[in-house]
N, C-alpha and C. Protein backbone atom coordinates (compact mmCIF):
# COMPACT_ATOMS: atom_id res chain seq x y z
N MET A 1 0.85 -1.19 0.00
CA MET A 1 0.00 0.00 0.00
C MET A 1 0.88 1.24 0.00
N SER A 2 0.66 2.18 -0.90
CA SER A 2 1.55 3.31 -1.08
C SER A 2 1.19 4.49 -0.22
N SER A 3 -0.04 4.61 0.22
CA SER A 3 -0.42 5.74 1.05
C SER A 3 -1.30 5.26 2.18
N SER A 4 -1.38 6.09 3.21
CA SER A 4 -2.06 5.66 4.42
C SER A 4 -3.55 5.91 4.33
N PRO A 5 -4.37 5.12 5.04
CA PRO A 5 -5.78 5.43 5.19
C PRO A 5 -5.94 6.60 6.14
N SER A 6 -7.19 7.07 6.35
CA SER A 6 -7.39 8.21 7.23
C SER A 6 -7.03 7.87 8.67
N GLN A 7 -7.18 6.61 9.03
CA GLN A 7 -6.76 6.16 10.34
C GLN A 7 -5.90 4.91 10.22
N THR A 8 -4.88 4.85 11.06
CA THR A 8 -3.99 3.69 11.09
C THR A 8 -3.85 3.23 12.53
N ILE A 9 -3.95 1.94 12.75
CA ILE A 9 -3.75 1.39 14.08
C ILE A 9 -2.27 1.09 14.27
N GLU A 10 -1.67 1.68 15.31
CA GLU A 10 -0.28 1.45 15.64
C GLU A 10 -0.19 0.41 16.76
N HIS A 11 0.74 -0.51 16.61
CA HIS A 11 0.97 -1.56 17.62
C HIS A 11 2.47 -1.64 17.87
N VAL A 12 2.89 -1.33 19.10
CA VAL A 12 4.31 -1.38 19.45
C VAL A 12 4.48 -2.29 20.66
N VAL A 13 5.41 -3.24 20.53
CA VAL A 13 5.74 -4.13 21.64
C VAL A 13 7.23 -3.96 21.94
N LEU A 14 7.54 -3.77 23.22
CA LEU A 14 8.93 -3.70 23.67
C LEU A 14 9.26 -4.94 24.48
N PHE A 15 10.44 -5.51 24.23
CA PHE A 15 10.87 -6.73 24.90
C PHE A 15 12.20 -6.49 25.62
N LYS A 16 12.39 -7.15 26.74
CA LYS A 16 13.71 -7.23 27.36
C LYS A 16 14.13 -8.69 27.34
N VAL A 17 15.12 -8.98 26.51
CA VAL A 17 15.64 -10.35 26.42
C VAL A 17 16.54 -10.62 27.63
N LYS A 18 16.44 -11.83 28.17
CA LYS A 18 17.27 -12.22 29.31
C LYS A 18 18.75 -12.09 28.95
N ASP A 19 19.53 -11.63 29.91
CA ASP A 19 20.94 -11.32 29.67
C ASP A 19 21.74 -12.52 29.18
N ASP A 20 21.42 -13.71 29.64
CA ASP A 20 22.22 -14.89 29.30
C ASP A 20 21.69 -15.67 28.10
N THR A 21 20.82 -15.06 27.33
CA THR A 21 20.21 -15.76 26.20
C THR A 21 21.20 -15.99 25.07
N ASP A 22 21.21 -17.20 24.55
CA ASP A 22 22.06 -17.52 23.40
C ASP A 22 21.63 -16.68 22.19
N GLN A 23 22.62 -16.13 21.47
CA GLN A 23 22.32 -15.23 20.36
C GLN A 23 21.49 -15.91 19.28
N SER A 24 21.64 -17.22 19.12
CA SER A 24 20.87 -17.93 18.10
C SER A 24 19.37 -17.87 18.42
N LYS A 25 19.02 -17.90 19.71
CA LYS A 25 17.62 -17.82 20.09
C LYS A 25 17.07 -16.41 19.87
N VAL A 26 17.92 -15.41 20.09
CA VAL A 26 17.50 -14.03 19.82
C VAL A 26 17.25 -13.84 18.33
N SER A 27 18.16 -14.37 17.50
CA SER A 27 18.00 -14.28 16.05
C SER A 27 16.73 -14.99 15.59
N THR A 28 16.44 -16.13 16.19
CA THR A 28 15.22 -16.86 15.86
C THR A 28 13.99 -16.05 16.22
N MET A 29 14.01 -15.41 17.38
CA MET A 29 12.88 -14.58 17.78
C MET A 29 12.64 -13.46 16.77
N ILE A 30 13.71 -12.75 16.41
CA ILE A 30 13.57 -11.62 15.48
C ILE A 30 13.07 -12.10 14.12
N ALA A 31 13.66 -13.19 13.61
CA ALA A 31 13.25 -13.72 12.31
C ALA A 31 11.80 -14.19 12.34
N SER A 32 11.41 -14.83 13.42
CA SER A 32 10.04 -15.34 13.53
C SER A 32 9.03 -14.20 13.60
N LEU A 33 9.35 -13.16 14.36
CA LEU A 33 8.47 -12.00 14.44
C LEU A 33 8.34 -11.32 13.08
N ASN A 34 9.47 -11.13 12.41
CA ASN A 34 9.41 -10.49 11.10
C ASN A 34 8.65 -11.33 10.07
N GLY A 35 8.63 -12.63 10.27
CA GLY A 35 7.87 -13.49 9.37
C GLY A 35 6.37 -13.25 9.43
N LEU A 36 5.90 -12.63 10.51
CA LEU A 36 4.47 -12.36 10.64
C LEU A 36 3.99 -11.26 9.71
N THR A 37 4.91 -10.59 9.04
CA THR A 37 4.51 -9.54 8.09
C THR A 37 3.69 -10.11 6.94
N SER A 38 3.75 -11.43 6.75
CA SER A 38 3.00 -12.07 5.65
C SER A 38 1.52 -12.25 5.98
N LEU A 39 1.12 -12.05 7.22
CA LEU A 39 -0.29 -12.23 7.58
C LEU A 39 -1.15 -11.17 6.89
N ASP A 40 -2.34 -11.57 6.46
CA ASP A 40 -3.19 -10.71 5.63
C ASP A 40 -3.54 -9.38 6.29
N SER A 41 -3.71 -9.38 7.59
CA SER A 41 -4.18 -8.17 8.26
C SER A 41 -3.08 -7.13 8.48
N VAL A 42 -1.82 -7.50 8.24
CA VAL A 42 -0.68 -6.64 8.55
C VAL A 42 -0.38 -5.70 7.38
N LEU A 43 -0.36 -4.39 7.66
CA LEU A 43 0.05 -3.41 6.66
C LEU A 43 1.56 -3.21 6.66
N HIS A 44 2.13 -3.25 7.85
CA HIS A 44 3.58 -3.06 8.02
C HIS A 44 3.99 -3.75 9.30
N LEU A 45 5.15 -4.39 9.28
CA LEU A 45 5.67 -5.00 10.50
C LEU A 45 7.19 -5.06 10.41
N SER A 46 7.83 -4.65 11.48
CA SER A 46 9.29 -4.71 11.55
C SER A 46 9.69 -4.95 13.00
N ALA A 47 10.65 -5.84 13.20
CA ALA A 47 11.13 -6.15 14.54
C ALA A 47 12.64 -6.25 14.53
N GLY A 48 13.26 -5.86 15.64
CA GLY A 48 14.71 -5.93 15.72
C GLY A 48 15.22 -5.34 17.01
N PRO A 49 16.55 -5.21 17.14
CA PRO A 49 17.14 -4.68 18.37
C PRO A 49 16.92 -3.17 18.50
N VAL A 50 16.79 -2.72 19.72
CA VAL A 50 16.67 -1.30 20.01
C VAL A 50 18.00 -0.61 19.73
N LEU A 51 17.95 0.57 19.11
CA LEU A 51 19.16 1.35 18.85
C LEU A 51 19.61 2.07 20.11
N ARG A 52 18.66 2.74 20.79
CA ARG A 52 18.93 3.45 22.04
C ARG A 52 17.71 3.35 22.94
N ASN A 53 17.96 3.23 24.24
CA ASN A 53 16.89 3.19 25.22
C ASN A 53 17.05 4.40 26.13
N GLY A 54 16.09 5.33 26.07
CA GLY A 54 16.18 6.55 26.85
C GLY A 54 15.39 6.49 28.14
N SER A 55 15.02 5.30 28.57
CA SER A 55 14.22 5.15 29.78
C SER A 55 15.10 4.73 30.94
N SER A 56 14.93 5.37 32.08
CA SER A 56 15.69 4.99 33.26
C SER A 56 15.00 3.87 34.04
N SER A 57 13.72 3.64 33.76
CA SER A 57 12.94 2.66 34.53
C SER A 57 12.97 1.27 33.91
N PHE A 58 13.18 1.19 32.61
CA PHE A 58 13.13 -0.09 31.91
C PHE A 58 14.37 -0.24 31.02
N ASP A 59 14.73 -1.48 30.76
CA ASP A 59 15.91 -1.74 29.93
C ASP A 59 15.51 -2.64 28.77
N PHE A 60 14.65 -2.13 27.90
CA PHE A 60 14.18 -2.92 26.77
C PHE A 60 15.29 -3.09 25.73
N THR A 61 15.35 -4.27 25.14
CA THR A 61 16.41 -4.59 24.19
C THR A 61 15.93 -4.73 22.76
N HIS A 62 14.62 -5.03 22.57
CA HIS A 62 14.09 -5.29 21.23
C HIS A 62 12.70 -4.67 21.09
N ILE A 63 12.31 -4.46 19.85
CA ILE A 63 11.03 -3.80 19.58
C ILE A 63 10.35 -4.45 18.38
N LEU A 64 9.03 -4.46 18.40
CA LEU A 64 8.22 -4.80 17.24
C LEU A 64 7.27 -3.65 16.99
N HIS A 65 7.20 -3.17 15.75
CA HIS A 65 6.25 -2.13 15.36
C HIS A 65 5.45 -2.64 14.18
N SER A 66 4.12 -2.57 14.29
CA SER A 66 3.28 -2.98 13.17
C SER A 66 2.08 -2.06 13.04
N ARG A 67 1.45 -2.10 11.85
CA ARG A 67 0.33 -1.21 11.53
C ARG A 67 -0.81 -1.99 10.89
N TYR A 68 -2.05 -1.49 11.12
CA TYR A 68 -3.26 -2.17 10.67
C TYR A 68 -4.30 -1.15 10.26
N ASN A 69 -5.25 -1.61 9.46
CA ASN A 69 -6.32 -0.72 9.02
C ASN A 69 -7.38 -0.50 10.10
N SER A 70 -7.51 -1.44 11.04
CA SER A 70 -8.58 -1.35 12.02
C SER A 70 -8.21 -2.13 13.28
N LYS A 71 -8.95 -1.89 14.36
CA LYS A 71 -8.76 -2.65 15.59
C LYS A 71 -9.08 -4.12 15.36
N ASP A 72 -10.05 -4.39 14.49
CA ASP A 72 -10.39 -5.78 14.18
C ASP A 72 -9.22 -6.50 13.50
N ASP A 73 -8.52 -5.78 12.62
CA ASP A 73 -7.36 -6.38 11.96
C ASP A 73 -6.24 -6.66 12.95
N LEU A 74 -6.05 -5.74 13.92
CA LEU A 74 -5.06 -5.99 14.98
C LEU A 74 -5.44 -7.21 15.80
N ALA A 75 -6.73 -7.33 16.12
CA ALA A 75 -7.20 -8.49 16.88
C ALA A 75 -7.00 -9.77 16.08
N SER A 76 -7.24 -9.71 14.78
CA SER A 76 -7.04 -10.88 13.92
C SER A 76 -5.58 -11.31 13.92
N TYR A 77 -4.69 -10.35 13.85
CA TYR A 77 -3.24 -10.63 13.93
C TYR A 77 -2.88 -11.27 15.27
N SER A 78 -3.39 -10.67 16.36
CA SER A 78 -3.04 -11.14 17.70
C SER A 78 -3.51 -12.58 17.94
N GLN A 79 -4.67 -12.92 17.35
CA GLN A 79 -5.26 -14.24 17.59
C GLN A 79 -4.83 -15.28 16.55
N HIS A 80 -4.11 -14.85 15.53
CA HIS A 80 -3.74 -15.78 14.47
C HIS A 80 -2.83 -16.88 15.03
N PRO A 81 -3.06 -18.12 14.63
CA PRO A 81 -2.23 -19.22 15.15
C PRO A 81 -0.73 -19.02 14.93
N SER A 82 -0.35 -18.41 13.83
CA SER A 82 1.09 -18.18 13.59
C SER A 82 1.67 -17.22 14.62
N HIS A 83 0.91 -16.17 14.94
CA HIS A 83 1.36 -15.21 15.95
C HIS A 83 1.44 -15.86 17.32
N VAL A 84 0.39 -16.59 17.67
CA VAL A 84 0.36 -17.26 18.96
C VAL A 84 1.54 -18.22 19.10
N SER A 85 1.85 -18.94 18.04
CA SER A 85 2.95 -19.90 18.05
C SER A 85 4.30 -19.21 18.23
N VAL A 86 4.52 -18.12 17.51
CA VAL A 86 5.78 -17.39 17.62
C VAL A 86 5.98 -16.87 19.04
N VAL A 87 4.93 -16.29 19.60
CA VAL A 87 5.03 -15.75 20.96
C VAL A 87 5.35 -16.86 21.96
N LYS A 88 4.64 -17.96 21.84
CA LYS A 88 4.80 -19.07 22.79
C LYS A 88 6.16 -19.75 22.66
N GLU A 89 6.62 -19.96 21.41
CA GLU A 89 7.82 -20.76 21.20
C GLU A 89 9.10 -19.94 21.14
N SER A 90 9.03 -18.72 20.60
CA SER A 90 10.27 -17.97 20.34
C SER A 90 10.45 -16.72 21.20
N VAL A 91 9.36 -16.19 21.75
CA VAL A 91 9.45 -14.94 22.50
C VAL A 91 9.44 -15.17 24.01
N LEU A 92 8.37 -15.72 24.53
CA LEU A 92 8.20 -15.83 25.98
C LEU A 92 9.33 -16.59 26.69
N PRO A 93 9.89 -17.64 26.08
CA PRO A 93 10.95 -18.37 26.80
C PRO A 93 12.23 -17.57 27.03
N ILE A 94 12.45 -16.47 26.29
CA ILE A 94 13.75 -15.78 26.39
C ILE A 94 13.64 -14.35 26.89
N ILE A 95 12.46 -13.91 27.32
CA ILE A 95 12.34 -12.51 27.76
C ILE A 95 12.09 -12.40 29.26
N ASP A 96 12.56 -11.30 29.82
CA ASP A 96 12.33 -10.95 31.23
C ASP A 96 11.15 -10.00 31.39
N ASP A 97 10.89 -9.20 30.35
CA ASP A 97 9.87 -8.17 30.46
C ASP A 97 9.29 -7.89 29.08
N ILE A 98 8.03 -7.42 29.08
CA ILE A 98 7.35 -7.08 27.83
C ILE A 98 6.37 -5.95 28.10
N MET A 99 6.19 -5.10 27.11
CA MET A 99 5.27 -3.96 27.22
C MET A 99 4.67 -3.73 25.84
N ALA A 100 3.35 -3.51 25.79
CA ALA A 100 2.69 -3.31 24.50
C ALA A 100 1.72 -2.14 24.60
N VAL A 101 1.73 -1.30 23.59
CA VAL A 101 0.84 -0.14 23.53
C VAL A 101 0.23 -0.05 22.13
N ASP A 102 -1.06 0.23 22.08
CA ASP A 102 -1.79 0.36 20.81
C ASP A 102 -2.51 1.70 20.78
N TRP A 103 -2.51 2.34 19.62
CA TRP A 103 -3.25 3.59 19.50
C TRP A 103 -3.69 3.83 18.07
N VAL A 104 -4.61 4.78 17.91
CA VAL A 104 -5.13 5.15 16.60
C VAL A 104 -4.44 6.42 16.14
N ALA A 105 -3.81 6.37 14.97
CA ALA A 105 -3.16 7.53 14.39
C ALA A 105 -4.03 8.07 13.26
N ASP A 106 -4.25 9.37 13.26
CA ASP A 106 -5.09 10.00 12.24
C ASP A 106 -4.23 10.62 11.13
N ASP A 107 -4.62 10.34 9.89
CA ASP A 107 -4.08 11.04 8.72
C ASP A 107 -2.55 11.06 8.67
N LEU A 108 -1.93 9.90 8.73
CA LEU A 108 -0.49 9.83 8.60
C LEU A 108 -0.07 10.19 7.18
N PRO A 109 0.90 11.09 7.01
CA PRO A 109 1.40 11.37 5.66
C PRO A 109 2.37 10.29 5.22
N GLY A 110 2.46 10.07 3.92
CA GLY A 110 3.46 9.15 3.41
C GLY A 110 3.05 7.69 3.55
N PRO A 111 4.00 6.79 3.32
CA PRO A 111 3.70 5.36 3.28
C PRO A 111 3.40 4.78 4.65
N VAL A 112 2.48 3.82 4.65
CA VAL A 112 2.21 3.07 5.88
C VAL A 112 3.36 2.10 6.16
N ALA A 113 3.84 1.43 5.12
CA ALA A 113 4.99 0.54 5.23
C ALA A 113 6.26 1.39 5.19
N LEU A 114 6.99 1.44 6.29
CA LEU A 114 8.13 2.35 6.39
C LEU A 114 9.34 1.80 5.64
N PRO A 115 10.06 2.68 4.92
CA PRO A 115 11.22 2.24 4.15
C PRO A 115 12.34 1.72 5.04
N LEU A 116 13.13 0.78 4.50
CA LEU A 116 14.31 0.31 5.20
C LEU A 116 15.23 1.49 5.50
N GLY A 117 15.83 1.47 6.67
CA GLY A 117 16.72 2.56 7.07
C GLY A 117 16.04 3.68 7.82
N SER A 118 14.70 3.69 7.83
CA SER A 118 13.98 4.71 8.59
C SER A 118 14.33 4.57 10.08
N ALA A 119 14.46 5.70 10.75
CA ALA A 119 14.73 5.70 12.20
C ALA A 119 13.46 6.11 12.92
N LEU A 120 13.11 5.36 13.96
CA LEU A 120 11.89 5.62 14.72
C LEU A 120 12.25 6.03 16.15
N ARG A 121 11.53 6.99 16.66
CA ARG A 121 11.59 7.29 18.09
C ARG A 121 10.20 7.07 18.67
N VAL A 122 10.09 6.06 19.53
CA VAL A 122 8.83 5.72 20.18
C VAL A 122 8.85 6.29 21.59
N SER A 123 7.81 7.03 21.96
CA SER A 123 7.71 7.62 23.30
C SER A 123 6.38 7.22 23.93
N PHE A 124 6.45 6.72 25.15
CA PHE A 124 5.25 6.40 25.93
C PHE A 124 5.24 7.29 27.17
N LEU A 125 4.09 7.87 27.47
CA LEU A 125 3.95 8.76 28.62
C LEU A 125 2.97 8.19 29.62
N LYS A 126 3.37 8.18 30.89
CA LYS A 126 2.46 7.82 31.97
C LYS A 126 2.12 9.10 32.73
N LEU A 127 0.84 9.44 32.77
CA LEU A 127 0.42 10.66 33.42
C LEU A 127 0.23 10.46 34.92
N LYS A 128 0.43 11.51 35.67
CA LYS A 128 0.15 11.47 37.11
C LYS A 128 -1.34 11.21 37.32
N GLU A 129 -1.67 10.53 38.42
CA GLU A 129 -3.06 10.18 38.70
C GLU A 129 -3.95 11.41 38.82
N SER A 130 -3.37 12.53 39.22
CA SER A 130 -4.15 13.75 39.43
C SER A 130 -4.50 14.48 38.13
N VAL A 131 -3.92 14.04 37.02
CA VAL A 131 -4.14 14.73 35.74
C VAL A 131 -5.54 14.45 35.21
N GLY A 132 -6.30 15.52 34.93
CA GLY A 132 -7.65 15.38 34.40
C GLY A 132 -7.67 15.37 32.89
N GLU A 133 -8.88 15.30 32.32
CA GLU A 133 -9.03 15.23 30.87
C GLU A 133 -8.51 16.47 30.17
N GLY A 134 -8.70 17.64 30.80
CA GLY A 134 -8.22 18.87 30.18
C GLY A 134 -6.71 18.89 30.05
N ALA A 135 -6.04 18.48 31.11
CA ALA A 135 -4.58 18.43 31.08
C ALA A 135 -4.09 17.35 30.11
N LYS A 136 -4.81 16.22 30.06
CA LYS A 136 -4.44 15.16 29.11
C LYS A 136 -4.50 15.70 27.68
N SER A 137 -5.52 16.48 27.37
CA SER A 137 -5.63 17.09 26.04
C SER A 137 -4.46 18.03 25.76
N GLU A 138 -4.04 18.76 26.80
CA GLU A 138 -2.88 19.64 26.64
C GLU A 138 -1.63 18.84 26.29
N VAL A 139 -1.45 17.71 26.97
CA VAL A 139 -0.28 16.87 26.70
C VAL A 139 -0.33 16.34 25.27
N LEU A 140 -1.50 15.85 24.85
CA LEU A 140 -1.63 15.34 23.49
C LEU A 140 -1.30 16.41 22.46
N GLU A 141 -1.82 17.62 22.66
CA GLU A 141 -1.57 18.70 21.71
C GLU A 141 -0.10 19.10 21.71
N ALA A 142 0.53 19.08 22.89
CA ALA A 142 1.95 19.42 22.96
C ALA A 142 2.80 18.40 22.21
N VAL A 143 2.45 17.12 22.35
CA VAL A 143 3.19 16.08 21.64
C VAL A 143 2.98 16.20 20.13
N LYS A 144 1.74 16.46 19.72
CA LYS A 144 1.46 16.63 18.30
C LYS A 144 2.21 17.82 17.71
N GLY A 145 2.45 18.85 18.53
CA GLY A 145 3.14 20.05 18.06
C GLY A 145 4.61 19.87 17.80
N VAL A 146 5.16 18.73 18.21
CA VAL A 146 6.59 18.48 18.01
C VAL A 146 6.95 18.52 16.53
N LYS A 147 6.07 18.00 15.68
CA LYS A 147 6.39 17.92 14.24
C LYS A 147 6.61 19.30 13.62
N ASN A 148 5.90 20.30 14.13
CA ASN A 148 6.05 21.64 13.58
C ASN A 148 7.36 22.30 14.01
N SER A 149 7.95 21.79 15.08
CA SER A 149 9.18 22.38 15.61
C SER A 149 10.44 21.74 15.06
N PHE A 150 10.37 20.44 14.76
CA PHE A 150 11.55 19.71 14.31
C PHE A 150 11.37 19.31 12.85
N SER A 151 12.17 19.89 11.98
CA SER A 151 11.97 19.73 10.54
C SER A 151 12.30 18.33 10.03
N GLY A 152 13.06 17.54 10.78
CA GLY A 152 13.49 16.25 10.26
C GLY A 152 12.47 15.14 10.39
N ILE A 153 11.31 15.40 10.99
CA ILE A 153 10.32 14.35 11.20
C ILE A 153 9.48 14.15 9.94
N ASP A 154 9.51 12.93 9.37
CA ASP A 154 8.72 12.62 8.18
C ASP A 154 7.27 12.29 8.54
N GLN A 155 7.08 11.57 9.63
CA GLN A 155 5.75 11.21 10.12
C GLN A 155 5.73 11.38 11.64
N LEU A 156 4.59 11.80 12.16
CA LEU A 156 4.41 11.81 13.61
C LEU A 156 3.04 11.22 13.92
N SER A 157 3.06 10.13 14.66
CA SER A 157 1.85 9.41 15.03
C SER A 157 1.65 9.57 16.53
N VAL A 158 0.48 10.09 16.94
CA VAL A 158 0.21 10.36 18.35
C VAL A 158 -1.19 9.86 18.70
N GLY A 159 -1.34 9.25 19.87
CA GLY A 159 -2.68 8.82 20.28
C GLY A 159 -2.70 8.28 21.70
N GLU A 160 -3.90 7.95 22.15
CA GLU A 160 -4.10 7.36 23.48
C GLU A 160 -4.14 5.84 23.36
N ASN A 161 -3.46 5.18 24.27
CA ASN A 161 -3.45 3.72 24.28
C ASN A 161 -4.85 3.18 24.53
N PHE A 162 -5.24 2.16 23.74
CA PHE A 162 -6.56 1.55 23.94
C PHE A 162 -6.46 0.09 24.41
N SER A 163 -5.24 -0.36 24.73
CA SER A 163 -5.05 -1.73 25.23
C SER A 163 -4.24 -1.68 26.52
N PRO A 164 -4.90 -1.44 27.66
CA PRO A 164 -4.17 -1.21 28.91
C PRO A 164 -3.51 -2.45 29.51
N GLY A 165 -3.85 -3.64 29.05
CA GLY A 165 -3.41 -4.86 29.71
C GLY A 165 -1.92 -5.00 29.90
N ARG A 166 -1.13 -4.63 28.89
CA ARG A 166 0.33 -4.79 28.98
C ARG A 166 1.06 -3.45 28.85
N ALA A 167 0.37 -2.34 29.11
CA ALA A 167 0.94 -1.02 28.90
C ALA A 167 1.60 -0.43 30.13
N LYS A 168 1.54 -1.14 31.28
CA LYS A 168 2.18 -0.69 32.51
C LYS A 168 1.72 0.71 32.95
N GLY A 169 0.49 1.07 32.60
CA GLY A 169 -0.05 2.35 33.02
C GLY A 169 0.29 3.52 32.11
N PHE A 170 1.01 3.27 31.03
CA PHE A 170 1.34 4.34 30.07
C PHE A 170 0.14 4.55 29.14
N SER A 171 -0.30 5.79 29.01
CA SER A 171 -1.58 6.04 28.33
C SER A 171 -1.47 6.87 27.06
N ILE A 172 -0.35 7.54 26.84
CA ILE A 172 -0.17 8.35 25.63
C ILE A 172 1.07 7.88 24.90
N ALA A 173 0.95 7.72 23.58
CA ALA A 173 2.07 7.21 22.79
C ALA A 173 2.32 8.11 21.59
N SER A 174 3.58 8.17 21.20
CA SER A 174 3.92 8.85 19.95
C SER A 174 5.02 8.08 19.25
N LEU A 175 5.02 8.18 17.93
CA LEU A 175 6.04 7.54 17.11
C LEU A 175 6.47 8.52 16.04
N ALA A 176 7.71 8.98 16.12
CA ALA A 176 8.26 9.91 15.14
C ALA A 176 9.14 9.13 14.17
N VAL A 177 8.91 9.34 12.88
CA VAL A 177 9.66 8.63 11.84
C VAL A 177 10.60 9.62 11.16
N PHE A 178 11.87 9.24 11.07
CA PHE A 178 12.89 10.04 10.41
C PHE A 178 13.46 9.27 9.22
N THR A 179 14.04 9.99 8.27
CA THR A 179 14.63 9.34 7.11
C THR A 179 15.71 8.35 7.51
N GLY A 180 16.48 8.70 8.54
CA GLY A 180 17.54 7.82 9.01
C GLY A 180 18.05 8.28 10.37
N PRO A 181 19.01 7.55 10.94
CA PRO A 181 19.51 7.88 12.28
C PRO A 181 20.11 9.28 12.40
N SER A 182 20.77 9.76 11.34
CA SER A 182 21.39 11.09 11.43
C SER A 182 20.35 12.18 11.60
N GLU A 183 19.18 12.03 10.93
CA GLU A 183 18.10 13.01 11.08
C GLU A 183 17.52 12.97 12.50
N LEU A 184 17.43 11.76 13.06
CA LEU A 184 16.95 11.62 14.43
C LEU A 184 17.93 12.29 15.40
N GLU A 185 19.22 12.03 15.20
CA GLU A 185 20.23 12.59 16.10
C GLU A 185 20.28 14.12 16.00
N ALA A 186 19.94 14.66 14.83
CA ALA A 186 19.95 16.12 14.67
C ALA A 186 18.92 16.78 15.58
N VAL A 187 17.82 16.09 15.82
CA VAL A 187 16.80 16.61 16.73
C VAL A 187 17.39 16.80 18.13
N ASP A 188 18.14 15.80 18.59
CA ASP A 188 18.71 15.85 19.94
C ASP A 188 19.77 16.93 20.08
N SER A 189 20.35 17.34 18.97
CA SER A 189 21.43 18.33 19.03
C SER A 189 20.94 19.72 19.43
N ASP A 190 19.64 19.98 19.22
CA ASP A 190 19.07 21.28 19.61
C ASP A 190 18.46 21.15 21.00
N GLN A 191 19.32 21.14 22.02
CA GLN A 191 18.86 20.87 23.38
C GLN A 191 17.91 21.95 23.90
N GLU A 192 18.12 23.17 23.49
CA GLU A 192 17.24 24.25 23.96
C GLU A 192 15.81 24.01 23.50
N LEU A 193 15.63 23.62 22.24
CA LEU A 193 14.30 23.37 21.71
C LEU A 193 13.70 22.11 22.34
N VAL A 194 14.53 21.07 22.49
CA VAL A 194 14.07 19.83 23.13
C VAL A 194 13.56 20.12 24.54
N ASN A 195 14.34 20.88 25.30
CA ASN A 195 13.95 21.17 26.68
C ASN A 195 12.69 22.02 26.76
N SER A 196 12.51 22.91 25.79
CA SER A 196 11.31 23.75 25.81
C SER A 196 10.05 22.92 25.61
N HIS A 197 10.14 21.87 24.79
CA HIS A 197 8.99 20.97 24.60
C HIS A 197 8.76 20.11 25.83
N LYS A 198 9.83 19.66 26.46
CA LYS A 198 9.69 18.86 27.66
C LYS A 198 9.01 19.66 28.77
N GLU A 199 9.34 20.95 28.86
CA GLU A 199 8.78 21.79 29.92
C GLU A 199 7.26 21.91 29.81
N LYS A 200 6.74 21.79 28.60
CA LYS A 200 5.30 21.94 28.39
C LYS A 200 4.51 20.82 29.06
N VAL A 201 5.12 19.66 29.21
CA VAL A 201 4.39 18.50 29.73
C VAL A 201 4.98 17.92 31.02
N ARG A 202 6.14 18.40 31.42
CA ARG A 202 6.87 17.79 32.54
C ARG A 202 6.02 17.65 33.81
N ASP A 203 5.26 18.67 34.14
CA ASP A 203 4.50 18.68 35.40
C ASP A 203 3.36 17.66 35.41
N TYR A 204 2.98 17.16 34.24
CA TYR A 204 1.86 16.22 34.15
C TYR A 204 2.31 14.77 34.16
N LEU A 205 3.62 14.54 34.05
CA LEU A 205 4.12 13.18 33.80
C LEU A 205 4.66 12.52 35.05
N GLU A 206 4.33 11.24 35.18
CA GLU A 206 4.92 10.40 36.22
C GLU A 206 6.15 9.68 35.69
N SER A 207 6.08 9.23 34.42
CA SER A 207 7.18 8.45 33.87
C SER A 207 7.13 8.52 32.34
N VAL A 208 8.30 8.30 31.73
CA VAL A 208 8.42 8.34 30.27
C VAL A 208 9.31 7.19 29.80
N VAL A 209 8.91 6.55 28.71
CA VAL A 209 9.75 5.56 28.03
C VAL A 209 10.05 6.08 26.63
N VAL A 210 11.32 6.12 26.27
CA VAL A 210 11.73 6.56 24.93
C VAL A 210 12.68 5.51 24.35
N VAL A 211 12.34 5.01 23.17
CA VAL A 211 13.15 3.98 22.52
C VAL A 211 13.36 4.36 21.06
N ASP A 212 14.61 4.25 20.58
CA ASP A 212 14.93 4.49 19.17
C ASP A 212 15.20 3.16 18.48
N TYR A 213 14.85 3.11 17.18
CA TYR A 213 14.96 1.87 16.42
C TYR A 213 15.13 2.21 14.95
N VAL A 214 15.93 1.40 14.24
CA VAL A 214 16.11 1.58 12.81
C VAL A 214 15.51 0.39 12.08
N VAL A 215 14.64 0.66 11.11
CA VAL A 215 14.01 -0.39 10.31
C VAL A 215 15.07 -1.00 9.41
N SER A 216 15.33 -2.30 9.58
CA SER A 216 16.39 -2.96 8.82
C SER A 216 15.88 -4.24 8.20
N LEU A 217 16.67 -4.79 7.29
CA LEU A 217 16.31 -6.05 6.66
C LEU A 217 16.28 -7.15 7.72
N PRO A 218 15.23 -7.99 7.72
CA PRO A 218 15.20 -9.10 8.65
C PRO A 218 16.38 -10.05 8.42
N GLN A 219 17.02 -10.46 9.51
CA GLN A 219 18.13 -11.39 9.41
C GLN A 219 17.62 -12.82 9.52
N PRO A 220 18.16 -13.75 8.75
CA PRO A 220 17.72 -15.14 8.88
C PRO A 220 18.05 -15.69 10.25
N ALA A 221 17.23 -16.61 10.71
CA ALA A 221 17.46 -17.21 12.02
C ALA A 221 18.74 -18.05 11.98
N SER A 222 19.50 -17.98 13.07
CA SER A 222 20.71 -18.80 13.18
C SER A 222 20.31 -20.25 13.44
N LEU A 223 21.05 -21.16 12.83
CA LEU A 223 20.75 -22.58 12.98
C LEU A 223 21.58 -23.18 14.11
């Protein structure tokens, strides 16, 4: 598919692989997850090692990002026997921790299937319990405004999580897509601008998870 629908379902899963895991099992997990891109309901799917982890609370090592036309298509993917088998046989035996967040992105520009080499910055926000709906709207608008401030962002997907079961209390998600890692790193170089955006939401936040990832060719599983 060359262009996005008016709404796209985003699905991001973060994994922490056990420290003593044999690399062949990690390669099998990544290859098996990437193989799920062939399922009919999947518009885009990419899995691999995290480039950078900006979270002090979690130490995630791997990520899966996928996209769907509807919540029903995401449910179809989640319940598909191939997905269930991969999770049971290749994922759960080698991980210490897992986190998943789903949200609806409106009117994404450009391709739904992200080009190889694209750099992603995934951010999850956990709001303080005292934050009301008005303040939540302020946070969402502030996050959406990031694209207007940083010229290197090709796509910005922002929304509220609708699957709380494995989200660890994080309720707002964003995914910024850059042409490559150098464009992503250029954003961080303007610390004054970065800090000004953080100040807009800092008082509302209890915790933040930030993970960077580069979309790469799936590697074959090690034998």
